[in-house]
């Protein structure tokens, strides 16, 4: 709604302003007429840019991405993450995160980083040339955050038959 108003409203306002200025400035010198057209035009373009930026910021508010994902401990979120993990991740990472085709998710070694942001990024975008697919088109932002938090909480669970460490030691900040 607001984008439609912005898209159609400002050009119509500008057209009306030009008609009004043409009548108002008809008897003025050419350089004064030029200034009379240019200054309001730049003002309207600036207003359009400002409103467009503000609308983009409002649309992004509330979205979860690599920069805004947070560590959550609510049982409902972790249960949702476990449900998603059990349906989509078990075949490669094992039922308890011990690793199968994919790496072990329970130790301190991570190939692409072990922070909540790194885990979220890996889930969202996948890893090219590996079996790890991008889930950004299959899972909502909230679902990606939930499964990221579930995986983040698997650290230190030490399930039996765990795959040996892969990647680099990741030390979490306390």
N, C-alpha and C. Protein backbone atom coordinates (compact mmCIF):
# COMPACT_ATOMS: atom_id res chain seq x y z
N UNK A 1 0.83 -1.19 0.00
CA UNK A 1 0.00 0.00 0.00
C UNK A 1 0.87 1.25 0.00
N UNK A 2 1.82 1.29 0.93
CA UNK A 2 2.67 2.47 1.03
C UNK A 2 3.59 2.60 -0.18
N UNK A 3 4.07 1.46 -0.69
CA UNK A 3 4.91 1.51 -1.89
C UNK A 3 4.11 2.03 -3.08
N UNK A 4 2.86 1.63 -3.20
CA UNK A 4 2.01 2.09 -4.30
C UNK A 4 1.81 3.59 -4.20
N UNK A 5 1.54 4.06 -3.00
CA UNK A 5 1.37 5.49 -2.78
C UNK A 5 2.65 6.25 -3.13
N UNK A 6 3.77 5.70 -2.71
CA UNK A 6 5.06 6.33 -3.00
C UNK A 6 5.34 6.31 -4.50
N UNK A 7 5.06 5.18 -5.15
CA UNK A 7 5.36 5.03 -6.57
C UNK A 7 4.51 5.96 -7.43
N UNK A 8 3.22 6.08 -7.13
CA UNK A 8 2.33 6.89 -7.94
C UNK A 8 2.13 8.30 -7.39
N UNK A 9 2.18 8.45 -6.09
CA UNK A 9 1.88 9.73 -5.48
C UNK A 9 2.93 10.79 -5.77
N UNK A 10 4.18 10.47 -5.59
CA UNK A 10 5.23 11.48 -5.80
C UNK A 10 5.33 11.93 -7.26
N UNK A 11 5.28 11.04 -8.25
CA UNK A 11 5.31 11.54 -9.64
C UNK A 11 4.11 12.43 -9.97
N UNK A 12 2.92 12.06 -9.45
CA UNK A 12 1.75 12.91 -9.70
C UNK A 12 1.90 14.27 -9.03
N UNK A 13 2.44 14.25 -7.82
CA UNK A 13 2.70 15.51 -7.13
C UNK A 13 3.71 16.35 -7.92
N UNK A 14 4.73 15.70 -8.45
CA UNK A 14 5.75 16.41 -9.23
C UNK A 14 5.14 16.99 -10.51
N UNK A 15 4.29 16.22 -11.18
CA UNK A 15 3.64 16.72 -12.40
C UNK A 15 2.77 17.93 -12.08
N UNK A 16 2.01 17.85 -11.01
CA UNK A 16 1.18 18.99 -10.60
C UNK A 16 2.03 20.20 -10.27
N UNK A 17 3.15 19.97 -9.60
CA UNK A 17 4.05 21.07 -9.26
C UNK A 17 4.61 21.71 -10.53
N UNK A 18 4.97 20.90 -11.52
CA UNK A 18 5.49 21.46 -12.77
C UNK A 18 4.45 22.32 -13.48
N UNK A 19 3.21 21.87 -13.52
CA UNK A 19 2.15 22.67 -14.13
C UNK A 19 1.99 23.99 -13.38
N UNK A 20 1.97 23.92 -12.08
CA UNK A 20 1.82 25.14 -11.28
C UNK A 20 3.02 26.07 -11.49
N UNK A 21 4.24 25.52 -11.50
CA UNK A 21 5.43 26.35 -11.70
C UNK A 21 5.46 26.97 -13.09
N UNK A 22 4.99 26.23 -14.09
CA UNK A 22 5.01 26.76 -15.45
C UNK A 22 4.14 28.01 -15.55
N UNK A 23 3.00 27.96 -14.92
CA UNK A 23 2.12 29.14 -14.92
C UNK A 23 2.73 30.27 -14.09
N UNK A 24 3.29 29.90 -12.96
CA UNK A 24 3.82 30.89 -12.01
C UNK A 24 5.07 31.57 -12.56
N UNK A 25 5.91 30.79 -13.27
CA UNK A 25 7.19 31.32 -13.72
C UNK A 25 7.20 31.71 -15.20
N UNK A 26 6.07 31.74 -15.87
CA UNK A 26 6.01 32.00 -17.30
C UNK A 26 6.61 33.35 -17.68
N UNK A 27 6.44 34.35 -16.86
CA UNK A 27 6.94 35.68 -17.21
C UNK A 27 8.36 35.93 -16.67
N UNK A 28 8.97 34.96 -16.04
CA UNK A 28 10.32 35.14 -15.47
C UNK A 28 11.40 34.89 -16.51
N UNK A 29 12.62 35.26 -16.15
CA UNK A 29 13.77 35.03 -17.01
C UNK A 29 14.04 33.52 -17.12
N UNK A 30 14.63 33.07 -18.24
CA UNK A 30 14.86 31.62 -18.45
C UNK A 30 15.69 30.96 -17.34
N UNK A 31 16.73 31.62 -16.86
CA UNK A 31 17.56 30.99 -15.84
C UNK A 31 16.79 30.85 -14.52
N UNK A 32 15.90 31.78 -14.23
CA UNK A 32 15.08 31.70 -13.03
C UNK A 32 14.03 30.58 -13.16
N UNK A 33 13.48 30.44 -14.39
CA UNK A 33 12.54 29.34 -14.63
C UNK A 33 13.24 28.00 -14.43
N UNK A 34 14.48 27.89 -14.91
CA UNK A 34 15.24 26.65 -14.78
C UNK A 34 15.44 26.31 -13.31
N UNK A 35 15.84 27.28 -12.52
CA UNK A 35 16.03 27.05 -11.08
C UNK A 35 14.70 26.67 -10.44
N UNK A 36 13.62 27.31 -10.89
CA UNK A 36 12.30 27.02 -10.35
C UNK A 36 11.83 25.60 -10.63
N UNK A 37 12.35 25.00 -11.69
CA UNK A 37 12.01 23.60 -11.99
C UNK A 37 12.97 22.63 -11.32
N UNK A 38 14.25 22.96 -11.32
CA UNK A 38 15.27 22.02 -10.82
C UNK A 38 15.21 21.84 -9.31
N UNK A 39 15.10 22.91 -8.56
CA UNK A 39 15.12 22.81 -7.11
C UNK A 39 13.97 21.94 -6.58
N UNK A 40 12.73 22.19 -6.99
CA UNK A 40 11.66 21.31 -6.51
C UNK A 40 11.82 19.87 -6.98
N UNK A 41 12.35 19.71 -8.19
CA UNK A 41 12.58 18.35 -8.69
C UNK A 41 13.55 17.58 -7.82
N UNK A 42 14.66 18.22 -7.46
CA UNK A 42 15.63 17.56 -6.57
C UNK A 42 15.04 17.32 -5.18
N UNK A 43 14.23 18.25 -4.72
CA UNK A 43 13.60 18.07 -3.42
C UNK A 43 12.68 16.85 -3.43
N UNK A 44 11.90 16.70 -4.50
CA UNK A 44 11.01 15.54 -4.61
C UNK A 44 11.80 14.24 -4.77
N UNK A 45 12.87 14.26 -5.54
CA UNK A 45 13.71 13.06 -5.66
C UNK A 45 14.31 12.67 -4.31
N UNK A 46 14.74 13.66 -3.56
CA UNK A 46 15.28 13.40 -2.22
C UNK A 46 14.22 12.81 -1.30
N UNK A 47 13.01 13.36 -1.37
CA UNK A 47 11.91 12.84 -0.55
C UNK A 47 11.59 11.41 -0.95
N UNK A 48 11.59 11.13 -2.26
CA UNK A 48 11.33 9.78 -2.74
C UNK A 48 12.38 8.81 -2.21
N UNK A 49 13.66 9.19 -2.29
CA UNK A 49 14.73 8.32 -1.81
C UNK A 49 14.61 8.09 -0.31
N UNK A 50 14.34 9.13 0.44
CA UNK A 50 14.21 9.01 1.88
C UNK A 50 13.05 8.08 2.25
N UNK A 51 11.90 8.26 1.62
CA UNK A 51 10.75 7.41 1.90
C UNK A 51 11.00 5.97 1.46
N UNK A 52 11.66 5.80 0.33
CA UNK A 52 11.97 4.46 -0.15
C UNK A 52 12.91 3.74 0.82
N UNK A 53 13.94 4.43 1.30
CA UNK A 53 14.86 3.84 2.28
C UNK A 53 14.14 3.49 3.57
N UNK A 54 13.26 4.36 4.02
CA UNK A 54 12.51 4.13 5.24
C UNK A 54 11.60 2.91 5.09
N UNK A 55 10.95 2.78 3.93
CA UNK A 55 10.09 1.63 3.68
C UNK A 55 10.90 0.33 3.63
N UNK A 56 12.07 0.38 3.03
CA UNK A 56 12.93 -0.82 2.97
C UNK A 56 13.35 -1.24 4.37
N UNK A 57 13.67 -0.27 5.20
CA UNK A 57 14.06 -0.58 6.58
C UNK A 57 12.89 -1.20 7.35
N UNK A 58 11.69 -0.68 7.13
CA UNK A 58 10.51 -1.25 7.79
C UNK A 58 10.24 -2.67 7.34
N UNK A 59 10.46 -2.95 6.05
CA UNK A 59 10.25 -4.30 5.54
C UNK A 59 11.27 -5.28 6.13
N UNK A 60 12.49 -4.81 6.34
CA UNK A 60 13.53 -5.68 6.88
C UNK A 60 13.39 -5.90 8.38
N UNK A 61 12.71 -4.99 9.05
CA UNK A 61 12.53 -5.13 10.49
C UNK A 61 11.77 -6.42 10.77
N UNK A 62 12.27 -7.18 11.69
CA UNK A 62 11.62 -8.42 12.04
C UNK A 62 12.10 -9.61 11.23
N UNK A 63 12.86 -9.37 10.18
CA UNK A 63 13.40 -10.48 9.40
C UNK A 63 14.60 -11.06 10.12
N UNK A 64 14.78 -12.33 9.96
CA UNK A 64 15.92 -13.01 10.57
C UNK A 64 16.90 -13.34 9.45
N UNK A 65 18.15 -12.93 9.62
CA UNK A 65 19.19 -13.27 8.67
C UNK A 65 20.48 -13.55 9.43
N UNK A 66 21.59 -13.63 8.72
CA UNK A 66 22.87 -13.97 9.34
C UNK A 66 23.30 -12.95 10.39
N UNK A 67 22.85 -11.72 10.23
CA UNK A 67 23.25 -10.67 11.17
C UNK A 67 22.32 -10.56 12.38
N UNK A 68 21.09 -11.01 12.24
CA UNK A 68 20.12 -10.82 13.32
C UNK A 68 19.75 -12.11 14.05
N UNK A 69 20.23 -13.25 13.59
CA UNK A 69 19.92 -14.51 14.26
C UNK A 69 20.49 -14.48 15.67
N UNK A 70 19.75 -15.03 16.62
CA UNK A 70 20.19 -15.02 18.01
C UNK A 70 20.10 -16.41 18.61
N UNK A 71 20.85 -16.61 19.68
CA UNK A 71 20.79 -17.86 20.42
C UNK A 71 19.54 -17.82 21.28
N UNK A 72 18.68 -18.81 21.11
CA UNK A 72 17.43 -18.88 21.85
C UNK A 72 17.42 -20.16 22.69
N UNK A 73 16.75 -20.11 23.81
CA UNK A 73 16.69 -21.30 24.68
C UNK A 73 15.26 -21.71 25.00
N UNK A 74 14.27 -21.10 24.36
CA UNK A 74 12.89 -21.45 24.62
C UNK A 74 12.63 -22.89 24.18
N UNK A 75 12.01 -23.68 25.03
CA UNK A 75 11.75 -25.08 24.70
C UNK A 75 10.95 -25.26 23.40
N UNK A 76 10.00 -24.38 23.12
CA UNK A 76 9.20 -24.50 21.90
C UNK A 76 10.06 -24.33 20.66
N UNK A 77 11.00 -23.38 20.71
CA UNK A 77 11.89 -23.15 19.56
C UNK A 77 12.81 -24.35 19.37
N UNK A 78 13.37 -24.85 20.46
CA UNK A 78 14.27 -26.00 20.36
C UNK A 78 13.53 -27.25 19.89
N UNK A 79 12.28 -27.42 20.32
CA UNK A 79 11.49 -28.57 19.86
C UNK A 79 11.19 -28.45 18.37
N UNK A 80 10.87 -27.23 17.92
CA UNK A 80 10.64 -27.01 16.50
C UNK A 80 11.92 -27.32 15.72
N UNK A 81 13.06 -26.87 16.25
CA UNK A 81 14.34 -27.15 15.60
C UNK A 81 14.64 -28.64 15.53
N UNK A 82 14.34 -29.36 16.62
CA UNK A 82 14.55 -30.81 16.64
C UNK A 82 13.66 -31.50 15.62
N UNK A 83 12.42 -31.08 15.50
CA UNK A 83 11.50 -31.66 14.52
C UNK A 83 12.02 -31.46 13.10
N UNK A 84 12.49 -30.26 12.81
CA UNK A 84 13.05 -29.97 11.48
C UNK A 84 14.31 -30.80 11.27
N UNK A 85 15.18 -30.85 12.28
CA UNK A 85 16.41 -31.63 12.18
C UNK A 85 16.08 -33.10 11.90
N UNK A 86 15.11 -33.64 12.62
CA UNK A 86 14.75 -35.05 12.48
C UNK A 86 14.21 -35.37 11.09
N UNK A 87 13.56 -34.41 10.45
CA UNK A 87 12.99 -34.67 9.13
C UNK A 87 13.94 -34.33 7.98
N UNK A 88 14.88 -33.42 8.19
CA UNK A 88 15.69 -32.96 7.07
C UNK A 88 17.20 -33.19 7.21
N UNK A 89 17.69 -33.37 8.42
CA UNK A 89 19.15 -33.38 8.63
C UNK A 89 19.70 -34.74 9.05
N UNK A 90 18.85 -35.61 9.58
CA UNK A 90 19.30 -36.88 10.14
C UNK A 90 20.05 -37.73 9.12
N UNK A 91 19.58 -37.75 7.89
CA UNK A 91 20.19 -38.64 6.89
C UNK A 91 21.67 -38.34 6.66
N UNK A 92 22.09 -37.10 6.83
CA UNK A 92 23.50 -36.75 6.63
C UNK A 92 24.28 -36.57 7.93
N UNK A 93 23.63 -36.10 8.98
CA UNK A 93 24.34 -35.77 10.21
C UNK A 93 24.06 -36.74 11.36
N UNK A 94 23.21 -37.73 11.14
CA UNK A 94 22.92 -38.72 12.18
C UNK A 94 21.82 -38.25 13.12
N UNK A 95 21.21 -39.21 13.78
CA UNK A 95 20.07 -38.93 14.65
C UNK A 95 20.42 -38.05 15.83
N UNK A 96 21.67 -38.14 16.30
CA UNK A 96 22.09 -37.35 17.46
C UNK A 96 23.16 -36.33 17.10
N UNK A 97 23.35 -36.08 15.80
CA UNK A 97 24.36 -35.12 15.36
C UNK A 97 25.75 -35.70 15.30
N UNK A 98 25.86 -37.03 15.38
CA UNK A 98 27.17 -37.69 15.45
C UNK A 98 27.92 -37.67 14.12
N UNK A 99 27.24 -37.36 13.05
CA UNK A 99 27.89 -37.31 11.74
C UNK A 99 27.71 -38.61 10.99
N UNK A 100 27.46 -38.51 9.70
CA UNK A 100 27.37 -39.67 8.81
C UNK A 100 28.04 -39.23 7.52
N UNK A 101 27.25 -38.86 6.52
CA UNK A 101 27.82 -38.26 5.31
C UNK A 101 28.35 -36.87 5.66
N UNK A 102 27.58 -36.15 6.46
CA UNK A 102 27.97 -34.81 6.91
C UNK A 102 28.81 -34.89 8.17
N UNK A 103 29.37 -33.78 8.58
CA UNK A 103 30.25 -33.78 9.75
C UNK A 103 29.52 -33.94 11.07
N UNK A 104 30.28 -34.29 12.09
CA UNK A 104 29.81 -34.39 13.47
C UNK A 104 29.43 -32.98 13.94
N UNK A 105 28.27 -32.83 14.51
CA UNK A 105 27.80 -31.52 14.98
C UNK A 105 27.88 -31.39 16.50
N UNK A 106 28.49 -32.37 17.17
CA UNK A 106 28.49 -32.36 18.63
C UNK A 106 29.84 -32.02 19.24
N UNK A 107 30.89 -31.96 18.42
CA UNK A 107 32.21 -31.67 18.97
C UNK A 107 32.55 -30.19 18.81
N UNK A 108 33.79 -29.84 19.12
CA UNK A 108 34.23 -28.43 19.07
C UNK A 108 34.87 -28.06 17.74
N UNK A 109 34.83 -28.96 16.76
CA UNK A 109 35.48 -28.71 15.48
C UNK A 109 34.44 -28.46 14.40
N UNK A 110 34.63 -27.35 13.69
CA UNK A 110 33.68 -26.94 12.68
C UNK A 110 34.41 -26.58 11.40
N UNK A 111 33.87 -27.00 10.28
CA UNK A 111 34.48 -26.72 8.99
C UNK A 111 34.18 -25.29 8.56
N UNK A 112 32.94 -24.83 8.79
CA UNK A 112 32.51 -23.51 8.33
C UNK A 112 32.14 -22.58 9.47
N UNK A 113 32.59 -22.87 10.68
CA UNK A 113 32.34 -22.01 11.82
C UNK A 113 31.22 -22.53 12.71
N UNK A 114 31.37 -22.37 14.01
CA UNK A 114 30.43 -22.92 14.96
C UNK A 114 29.58 -21.90 15.70
N UNK A 115 29.65 -20.64 15.30
CA UNK A 115 28.80 -19.64 15.95
C UNK A 115 27.37 -19.80 15.43
N UNK A 116 26.42 -19.22 16.12
CA UNK A 116 25.03 -19.31 15.67
C UNK A 116 24.88 -18.68 14.29
N UNK A 117 25.63 -17.63 14.02
CA UNK A 117 25.57 -16.99 12.71
C UNK A 117 26.14 -17.90 11.63
N UNK A 118 27.26 -18.56 11.93
CA UNK A 118 27.86 -19.48 10.96
C UNK A 118 26.94 -20.65 10.66
N UNK A 119 26.35 -21.21 11.69
CA UNK A 119 25.44 -22.34 11.51
C UNK A 119 24.23 -21.90 10.68
N UNK A 120 23.66 -20.75 11.02
CA UNK A 120 22.52 -20.23 10.28
C UNK A 120 22.88 -20.01 8.81
N UNK A 121 24.05 -19.41 8.55
CA UNK A 121 24.50 -19.13 7.19
C UNK A 121 24.64 -20.44 6.40
N UNK A 122 25.22 -21.46 7.05
CA UNK A 122 25.39 -22.74 6.38
C UNK A 122 24.05 -23.37 6.04
N UNK A 123 23.11 -23.30 6.95
CA UNK A 123 21.77 -23.85 6.70
C UNK A 123 21.08 -23.06 5.59
N UNK A 124 21.14 -21.75 5.67
CA UNK A 124 20.44 -20.91 4.69
C UNK A 124 21.00 -21.06 3.29
N UNK A 125 22.32 -20.97 3.15
CA UNK A 125 22.93 -20.91 1.82
C UNK A 125 23.53 -22.23 1.36
N UNK A 126 23.68 -23.20 2.27
CA UNK A 126 24.29 -24.46 1.89
C UNK A 126 25.78 -24.29 1.65
N UNK A 127 26.41 -25.36 1.21
CA UNK A 127 27.84 -25.34 0.89
C UNK A 127 27.99 -25.84 -0.54
N UNK A 128 28.46 -24.99 -1.46
CA UNK A 128 28.60 -25.41 -2.85
C UNK A 128 29.52 -26.64 -2.97
N UNK A 129 29.21 -27.48 -3.93
CA UNK A 129 29.99 -28.68 -4.25
C UNK A 129 30.04 -29.68 -3.12
N UNK A 130 29.04 -29.67 -2.24
CA UNK A 130 28.91 -30.66 -1.17
C UNK A 130 27.45 -31.09 -1.13
N UNK A 131 27.14 -32.14 -0.38
CA UNK A 131 25.72 -32.52 -0.25
C UNK A 131 24.89 -31.53 0.56
N UNK A 132 25.52 -30.57 1.24
CA UNK A 132 24.78 -29.60 2.06
C UNK A 132 24.06 -28.61 1.16
N UNK A 133 22.73 -28.77 1.09
CA UNK A 133 21.93 -27.91 0.23
C UNK A 133 21.52 -26.64 0.96
N UNK A 134 21.12 -25.64 0.21
CA UNK A 134 20.58 -24.40 0.78
C UNK A 134 19.12 -24.63 1.13
N UNK A 135 18.76 -24.27 2.36
CA UNK A 135 17.38 -24.46 2.82
C UNK A 135 16.58 -23.17 2.79
N UNK A 136 17.12 -22.09 2.25
CA UNK A 136 16.44 -20.80 2.28
C UNK A 136 15.11 -20.79 1.54
N UNK A 137 14.94 -21.67 0.56
CA UNK A 137 13.68 -21.70 -0.18
C UNK A 137 12.70 -22.71 0.40
N UNK A 138 13.18 -23.59 1.29
CA UNK A 138 12.33 -24.63 1.85
C UNK A 138 11.89 -24.34 3.28
N UNK A 139 12.68 -23.56 4.00
CA UNK A 139 12.39 -23.25 5.40
C UNK A 139 12.21 -21.75 5.57
N UNK A 140 11.30 -21.36 6.44
CA UNK A 140 11.13 -19.94 6.74
C UNK A 140 12.32 -19.46 7.57
N UNK A 141 12.42 -18.15 7.72
CA UNK A 141 13.49 -17.58 8.55
C UNK A 141 13.42 -18.13 9.97
N UNK A 142 12.21 -18.22 10.51
CA UNK A 142 12.03 -18.71 11.88
C UNK A 142 12.42 -20.18 11.99
N UNK A 143 12.10 -20.97 10.98
CA UNK A 143 12.48 -22.39 10.99
C UNK A 143 14.00 -22.54 10.89
N UNK A 144 14.63 -21.72 10.06
CA UNK A 144 16.09 -21.75 9.96
C UNK A 144 16.73 -21.39 11.29
N UNK A 145 16.17 -20.39 11.96
CA UNK A 145 16.69 -20.00 13.27
C UNK A 145 16.48 -21.12 14.29
N UNK A 146 15.33 -21.77 14.25
CA UNK A 146 15.04 -22.85 15.20
C UNK A 146 16.00 -24.02 15.03
N UNK A 147 16.21 -24.47 13.80
CA UNK A 147 17.11 -25.60 13.59
C UNK A 147 18.56 -25.20 13.87
N UNK A 148 18.92 -23.96 13.60
CA UNK A 148 20.26 -23.47 13.94
C UNK A 148 20.48 -23.54 15.45
N UNK A 149 19.49 -23.14 16.21
CA UNK A 149 19.60 -23.18 17.67
C UNK A 149 19.65 -24.61 18.18
N UNK A 150 18.88 -25.50 17.57
CA UNK A 150 18.94 -26.90 17.98
C UNK A 150 20.34 -27.46 17.73
N UNK A 151 20.90 -27.21 16.56
CA UNK A 151 22.24 -27.69 16.25
C UNK A 151 23.27 -27.04 17.17
N UNK A 152 23.11 -25.76 17.45
CA UNK A 152 24.02 -25.04 18.34
C UNK A 152 24.05 -25.70 19.72
N UNK A 153 22.91 -26.23 20.16
CA UNK A 153 22.80 -26.87 21.48
C UNK A 153 23.32 -28.31 21.50
N UNK A 154 23.61 -28.89 20.34
CA UNK A 154 24.12 -30.27 20.31
C UNK A 154 25.56 -30.39 20.80
N UNK A 155 26.27 -29.29 20.82
CA UNK A 155 27.68 -29.31 21.23
C UNK A 155 27.84 -29.95 22.61
N UNK A 156 28.79 -30.88 22.68
CA UNK A 156 29.13 -31.49 23.96
C UNK A 156 28.24 -32.66 24.36
N UNK A 157 27.32 -33.07 23.50
CA UNK A 157 26.44 -34.19 23.87
C UNK A 157 27.14 -35.53 23.73
N UNK A 158 28.21 -35.62 22.98
CA UNK A 158 29.04 -36.82 22.83
C UNK A 158 28.25 -38.10 22.61
N UNK A 159 27.52 -38.22 21.52
CA UNK A 159 26.78 -39.46 21.26
C UNK A 159 27.74 -40.59 20.88
N UNK A 160 27.30 -41.83 21.05
CA UNK A 160 28.17 -42.95 20.67
C UNK A 160 28.36 -42.98 19.15
N UNK A 161 29.48 -43.58 18.73
CA UNK A 161 29.81 -43.74 17.31
C UNK A 161 29.95 -42.41 16.57
N UNK A 162 30.45 -41.40 17.27
CA UNK A 162 30.62 -40.08 16.64
C UNK A 162 31.74 -40.12 15.62
N UNK A 163 31.54 -39.38 14.57
CA UNK A 163 32.54 -39.22 13.52
C UNK A 163 33.72 -38.43 14.10
N UNK A 164 34.95 -38.73 13.67
CA UNK A 164 36.09 -37.97 14.19
C UNK A 164 36.00 -36.48 13.82
N UNK A 165 36.69 -35.63 14.57
CA UNK A 165 36.63 -34.18 14.31
C UNK A 165 37.08 -33.83 12.90
N UNK A 166 36.40 -32.84 12.34
CA UNK A 166 36.75 -32.29 11.03
C UNK A 166 36.76 -30.77 11.15
N UNK A 167 37.63 -30.14 10.41
CA UNK A 167 37.65 -28.69 10.41
C UNK A 167 38.57 -28.12 11.46
N UNK A 168 38.16 -26.98 12.00
CA UNK A 168 38.99 -26.22 12.92
C UNK A 168 38.33 -26.12 14.29
N UNK A 169 39.16 -26.05 15.31
CA UNK A 169 38.65 -25.90 16.67
C UNK A 169 37.94 -24.56 16.77
N UNK A 170 36.72 -24.60 17.25
CA UNK A 170 35.95 -23.37 17.45
C UNK A 170 35.68 -23.23 18.93
N UNK A 171 36.15 -22.15 19.53
CA UNK A 171 35.94 -21.90 20.94
C UNK A 171 34.86 -20.86 21.07
N UNK A 172 33.78 -21.22 21.74
CA UNK A 172 32.68 -20.28 21.93
C UNK A 172 33.01 -19.28 23.02
N UNK A 173 32.58 -18.06 22.79
CA UNK A 173 32.74 -17.02 23.80
C UNK A 173 31.84 -17.32 24.98
N UNK A 174 32.31 -17.06 26.17
CA UNK A 174 31.52 -17.36 27.37
C UNK A 174 30.61 -16.20 27.67
